[in-house]
Amino acid sequence: MKNLLIIFFTLYTAIPFAQIPKSGTYIYNYCDMEYNKCIGKCTIKIKGNNIWIYAPANLTGIKEGELYESGTLHKDRKGRWIITPYSSKDKTTPTLNTDDGPPLWIDFKRKRFWTF
């Protein structure tokens, strides 16, 4: 019983500190911060700290499966994984002001991509 409690506590405390998943292709919920809800499913490709997000169905101005966003993953001060767009000069420098809430972030634990 004691060992079971130790294992449970270890797993429980590790959950909030989600790390970048292994390189691969995943299906995530596509969520909109303006409406505070998820509106579809999108395909996410991860390779190291790089990420590519492909559009879900029913978005205005973009076809399903087209590249919606790409960038580099960085953790902000609040512990969220934000997606910083690639810059032609420097692909690793965060360009977003994360104090007011980033326009693009991803929740690996709940498998949700958030945009505004």
Protein backbone atom coordinates (compact mmCIF):
# COMPACT_ATOMS: atom_id res chain seq x y z
CA MET A 1 0.00 0.00 0.00
CA LYS A 2 2.82 2.37 0.87
CA ASN A 3 4.50 1.77 -2.50
CA LEU A 4 1.20 2.44 -4.28
CA LEU A 5 0.84 5.80 -2.52
CA ILE A 6 4.40 6.75 -3.45
CA ILE A 7 3.78 5.89 -7.11
CA PHE A 8 0.47 7.80 -7.14
CA PHE A 9 2.04 10.87 -5.52
CA THR A 10 4.95 10.82 -7.98
CA LEU A 11 2.62 10.63 -10.99
CA TYR A 12 0.25 13.24 -9.57
CA THR A 13 3.00 15.80 -8.98
CA ALA A 14 4.54 15.23 -12.44
CA ILE A 15 1.31 15.95 -14.38
CA PRO A 16 1.35 19.79 -14.18
CA PHE A 17 4.88 19.91 -15.58
CA ALA A 18 4.07 18.51 -19.01
CA GLN A 19 7.02 18.39 -21.35
CA ILE A 20 7.18 18.50 -25.12
CA PRO A 21 6.02 15.14 -26.49
CA LYS A 22 8.29 12.94 -28.57
CA SER A 23 8.73 13.89 -32.21
CA GLY A 24 5.73 12.77 -34.24
CA THR A 25 2.27 13.65 -35.51
CA TYR A 26 -0.64 14.18 -33.12
CA ILE A 27 -4.31 15.21 -33.19
CA TYR A 28 -5.17 18.08 -30.83
CA ASN A 29 -8.28 20.12 -30.12
CA TYR A 30 -8.25 23.49 -31.87
CA CYS A 31 -9.45 26.04 -29.30
CA ASP A 32 -10.27 29.73 -29.58
CA MET A 33 -9.47 32.00 -26.60
CA GLU A 34 -11.96 34.63 -27.76
CA TYR A 35 -14.87 32.19 -27.39
CA ASN A 36 -13.15 30.11 -24.70
CA LYS A 37 -14.01 26.83 -26.38
CA CYS A 38 -12.63 24.20 -28.71
CA ILE A 39 -14.06 24.29 -32.22
CA GLY A 40 -12.41 21.39 -34.02
CA LYS A 41 -9.49 19.00 -34.35
CA CYS A 42 -6.15 19.88 -35.91
CA THR A 43 -3.04 17.95 -36.81
CA ILE A 44 0.15 18.89 -34.97
CA LYS A 45 3.65 17.80 -36.02
CA ILE A 46 6.47 18.07 -33.50
CA LYS A 47 10.17 17.61 -34.11
CA GLY A 48 12.31 18.60 -31.15
CA ASN A 49 11.33 22.18 -30.22
CA ASN A 50 9.79 22.86 -33.64
CA ILE A 51 6.06 22.63 -34.25
CA TRP A 52 3.75 22.76 -37.27
CA ILE A 53 -0.02 23.18 -36.86
CA TYR A 54 -2.38 22.29 -39.72
CA ALA A 55 -5.81 23.91 -40.04
CA PRO A 56 -8.97 22.12 -38.92
CA ALA A 57 -12.14 22.04 -41.00
CA ASN A 58 -14.46 25.07 -41.22
CA LEU A 59 -11.94 27.87 -40.70
CA THR A 60 -12.54 30.97 -42.81
CA GLY A 61 -9.89 31.68 -45.41
CA ILE A 62 -7.89 28.48 -45.08
CA LYS A 63 -8.52 24.93 -46.25
CA GLU A 64 -8.51 21.95 -43.93
CA GLY A 65 -5.03 20.46 -43.68
CA GLU A 66 -3.15 23.55 -44.87
CA LEU A 67 -0.29 24.82 -42.73
CA TYR A 68 -1.87 27.19 -40.22
CA GLU A 69 1.13 28.06 -38.06
CA SER A 70 4.69 26.94 -37.42
CA GLY A 71 7.35 27.98 -34.98
CA THR A 72 9.45 27.12 -31.99
CA LEU A 73 8.17 26.04 -28.58
CA HIS A 74 9.17 28.08 -25.52
CA LYS A 75 7.92 27.96 -21.96
CA ASP A 76 6.68 31.31 -20.60
CA ARG A 77 6.86 32.58 -17.02
CA LYS A 78 3.45 31.08 -16.25
CA GLY A 79 4.57 27.61 -17.36
CA ARG A 80 2.62 27.56 -20.64
CA TRP A 81 4.19 26.34 -23.87
CA ILE A 82 4.00 29.20 -26.34
CA ILE A 83 4.64 29.02 -30.06
CA THR A 84 6.91 31.74 -31.37
CA PRO A 85 6.84 32.21 -35.14
CA TYR A 86 10.04 31.67 -37.07
CA SER A 87 11.99 34.79 -37.91
CA SER A 88 14.14 34.93 -41.00
CA LYS A 89 16.98 36.32 -38.86
CA ASP A 90 16.80 34.20 -35.72
CA LYS A 91 14.67 31.10 -35.26
CA THR A 92 15.11 30.86 -31.49
CA THR A 93 14.33 34.36 -30.16
CA PRO A 94 10.85 34.68 -28.64
CA THR A 95 9.04 37.61 -30.24
CA LEU A 96 5.80 37.59 -28.26
CA ASN A 97 4.87 39.55 -25.16
CA THR A 98 3.72 36.75 -22.86
CA ASP A 99 2.65 38.97 -19.94
CA ASP A 100 -0.77 39.66 -21.46
CA GLY A 101 -1.28 36.12 -22.68
CA PRO A 102 0.28 34.71 -25.81
CA PRO A 103 -1.76 34.56 -28.99
CA LEU A 104 -0.63 30.97 -29.61
CA TRP A 105 -0.01 28.37 -26.93
CA ILE A 106 -0.37 24.65 -26.55
CA ASP A 107 -1.48 22.48 -23.64
CA PHE A 108 0.28 19.14 -23.99
CA LYS A 109 -1.50 17.65 -20.98
CA ARG A 110 -5.04 18.24 -22.33
CA LYS A 111 -4.01 18.08 -26.02
CA ARG A 112 -5.31 21.57 -26.87
CA PHE A 113 -3.92 24.22 -29.22
CA TRP A 114 -5.09 27.73 -28.28
CA THR A 115 -5.27 30.69 -30.61
CA PHE A 116 -7.02 34.07 -30.59
